[in-house]
Amino acid sequence: MSTTLTPYLSFNGNTREAFAFYEKALGAKIETMMSYADMPASANPGEGCDSGSAPSGDGIMHGCLALPGGAMLFAGDTPPGMPYEGVKGVMLALQYDTIDKAHSTFHVLSQGGQVTMPLAPAFWAKTFGMLTDRFGVSWAVNGEPVAFK
């Protein structure tokens, strides 16, 4: 039996914009972009939704981004009636086989965001850096692993 672990991010009404950015930045493919309006009327909205009725509109209920190599990233807009509290206490880590790929991805992800640790050699990778992108998501980018003896 195999297990997969897929990060699921919440955004403040801009999942569509974030996924379009990540699709280009990560060389990924958007596989699903389901809005609240696409939900069946019989769907249970869950705890915390306003007035017990299903959310509606163009907000994204569920998005799926497929990354090269098979990893996935899920996300959706925070449902109406629930407070958006940002992305806290998590960092998404990317591993690349080459320094060049790590540098190019880091550069794109950092546009409009904040570099918290510039790319530099580390004992586990030939290059490593951290940033928070313009959507408030923290990333660790590793390029070309270093062999341990």
Protein backbone atom coordinates (compact mmCIF):
# COMPACT_ATOMS: atom_id res chain seq x y z
CA MET A 1 0.00 0.00 0.00
CA SER A 2 1.48 3.34 -1.01
CA THR A 3 0.97 6.68 0.68
CA THR A 4 1.15 10.12 -0.84
CA LEU A 5 1.24 13.42 0.97
CA THR A 6 -0.12 16.42 -0.90
CA PRO A 7 0.00 19.97 0.49
CA TYR A 8 -3.39 21.75 0.44
CA LEU A 9 -3.14 25.52 0.61
CA SER A 10 -5.87 28.07 1.33
CA PHE A 11 -5.91 31.43 -0.39
CA ASN A 12 -7.91 34.62 0.11
CA GLY A 13 -9.87 34.56 -3.15
CA ASN A 14 -6.82 34.37 -5.43
CA THR A 15 -6.28 30.63 -5.94
CA ARG A 16 -6.83 30.99 -9.68
CA GLU A 17 -4.11 33.69 -9.91
CA ALA A 18 -1.70 31.76 -7.65
CA PHE A 19 -2.08 28.53 -9.65
CA ALA A 20 -1.57 30.32 -12.97
CA PHE A 21 1.66 31.72 -11.51
CA TYR A 22 2.79 28.36 -10.09
CA GLU A 23 1.95 26.59 -13.35
CA LYS A 24 4.49 28.78 -15.17
CA ALA A 25 7.04 29.05 -12.34
CA LEU A 26 7.16 25.30 -11.69
CA GLY A 27 6.59 23.96 -15.20
CA ALA A 28 3.41 22.36 -13.85
CA LYS A 29 -0.07 21.76 -15.25
CA ILE A 30 -3.39 22.82 -13.74
CA GLU A 31 -5.51 19.65 -13.76
CA THR A 32 -8.52 20.88 -11.79
CA MET A 33 -9.98 24.31 -11.12
CA MET A 34 -13.45 23.84 -9.60
CA SER A 35 -15.35 26.91 -8.45
CA TYR A 36 -17.94 27.02 -5.68
CA ALA A 37 -20.54 27.57 -8.43
CA ASP A 38 -19.54 24.17 -9.86
CA MET A 39 -20.51 22.38 -6.64
CA PRO A 40 -23.62 20.21 -6.79
CA ALA A 41 -26.55 21.73 -4.90
CA SER A 42 -26.63 18.66 -2.64
CA ALA A 43 -23.02 19.15 -1.45
CA ASN A 44 -22.55 19.65 2.28
CA PRO A 45 -20.71 22.96 2.78
CA GLY A 46 -19.17 21.84 6.07
CA GLU A 47 -18.58 23.69 9.32
CA GLY A 48 -18.14 27.44 9.42
CA CYS A 49 -19.93 28.35 6.19
CA ASP A 50 -22.25 31.35 6.33
CA SER A 51 -25.89 30.61 7.14
CA GLY A 52 -25.52 26.86 6.56
CA SER A 53 -25.81 27.18 2.78
CA ALA A 54 -23.25 26.15 0.21
CA PRO A 55 -20.83 28.86 -0.94
CA SER A 56 -21.43 30.06 -4.47
CA GLY A 57 -19.68 32.11 -7.09
CA ASP A 58 -16.37 32.16 -8.89
CA GLY A 59 -14.24 31.41 -5.82
CA ILE A 60 -12.18 28.23 -6.16
CA MET A 61 -13.38 25.31 -4.08
CA HIS A 62 -10.62 22.95 -5.25
CA GLY A 63 -7.60 23.25 -7.50
CA CYS A 64 -5.06 20.60 -8.41
CA LEU A 65 -1.64 21.40 -9.85
CA ALA A 66 0.44 18.50 -11.21
CA LEU A 67 4.19 19.06 -11.03
CA PRO A 68 6.81 17.38 -13.19
CA GLY A 69 7.77 14.06 -11.60
CA GLY A 70 4.30 13.34 -10.21
CA ALA A 71 4.00 15.58 -7.14
CA MET A 72 0.77 17.54 -6.72
CA LEU A 73 -0.29 20.71 -4.98
CA PHE A 74 -3.91 21.29 -3.97
CA ALA A 75 -5.49 24.62 -3.03
CA GLY A 76 -8.74 26.50 -2.71
CA ASP A 77 -10.13 29.83 -1.64
CA THR A 78 -11.21 30.07 1.98
CA PRO A 79 -14.98 29.47 2.00
CA PRO A 80 -17.26 32.46 2.59
CA GLY A 81 -17.94 32.98 6.27
CA MET A 82 -14.57 31.54 7.34
CA PRO A 83 -11.71 33.89 8.20
CA TYR A 84 -8.59 33.78 6.03
CA GLU A 85 -5.56 33.57 8.29
CA GLY A 86 -2.78 33.24 5.73
CA VAL A 87 -0.40 30.36 5.18
CA LYS A 88 1.37 29.79 8.51
CA GLY A 89 3.78 27.27 9.92
CA VAL A 90 4.59 25.51 6.65
CA MET A 91 7.21 25.73 3.94
CA LEU A 92 7.09 23.94 0.59
CA ALA A 93 10.45 22.41 -0.37
CA LEU A 94 11.56 21.96 -3.97
CA GLN A 95 14.48 19.72 -4.94
CA TYR A 96 16.18 20.08 -8.32
CA ASP A 97 18.91 17.99 -9.91
CA THR A 98 20.72 21.07 -11.21
CA ILE A 99 21.82 24.40 -9.82
CA ASP A 100 20.52 26.17 -12.95
CA LYS A 101 16.96 24.85 -12.49
CA ALA A 102 17.00 25.83 -8.80
CA HIS A 103 18.21 29.34 -9.68
CA SER A 104 15.62 29.89 -12.41
CA THR A 105 12.72 28.66 -10.25
CA PHE A 106 13.90 30.67 -7.25
CA HIS A 107 14.11 33.80 -9.40
CA VAL A 108 10.57 33.39 -10.76
CA LEU A 109 8.99 32.49 -7.39
CA SER A 110 10.67 35.47 -5.69
CA GLN A 111 9.20 38.05 -8.10
CA GLY A 112 6.89 40.24 -6.03
CA GLY A 113 7.77 38.26 -2.90
CA GLN A 114 10.52 38.41 -0.30
CA VAL A 115 13.79 36.49 -0.28
CA THR A 116 14.42 35.34 3.29
CA MET A 117 17.68 33.49 2.51
CA PRO A 118 19.49 34.11 -0.79
CA LEU A 119 20.68 31.11 -2.77
CA ALA A 120 24.03 29.86 -1.50
CA PRO A 121 25.86 26.57 -1.06
CA ALA A 122 24.70 24.36 1.82
CA PHE A 123 26.13 21.14 3.19
CA TRP A 124 23.23 19.13 1.70
CA ALA A 125 22.95 20.89 -1.69
CA LYS A 126 25.17 22.89 -4.01
CA THR A 127 22.63 25.70 -3.71
CA PHE A 128 19.80 26.44 -1.27
CA GLY A 129 17.58 29.43 -0.61
CA MET A 130 14.29 30.42 0.99
CA LEU A 131 11.62 32.91 0.04
CA THR A 132 8.03 33.90 0.64
CA ASP A 133 6.22 34.46 -2.64
CA ARG A 134 3.73 37.21 -3.42
CA PHE A 135 0.87 34.96 -2.27
CA GLY A 136 2.36 34.45 1.20
CA VAL A 137 3.62 30.90 0.58
CA SER A 138 7.08 30.05 1.93
CA TRP A 139 9.44 28.01 -0.28
CA ALA A 140 12.78 26.28 0.23
CA VAL A 141 14.61 25.68 -3.05
CA ASN A 142 17.42 23.09 -3.25
CA GLY A 143 19.66 22.59 -6.26
CA GLU A 144 21.92 19.61 -6.97
CA PRO A 145 22.19 17.46 -3.87
CA VAL A 146 25.57 16.86 -2.27
CA ALA A 147 26.48 13.21 -1.67
CA PHE A 148 27.00 12.31 1.99
CA LYS A 149 29.80 9.89 2.82
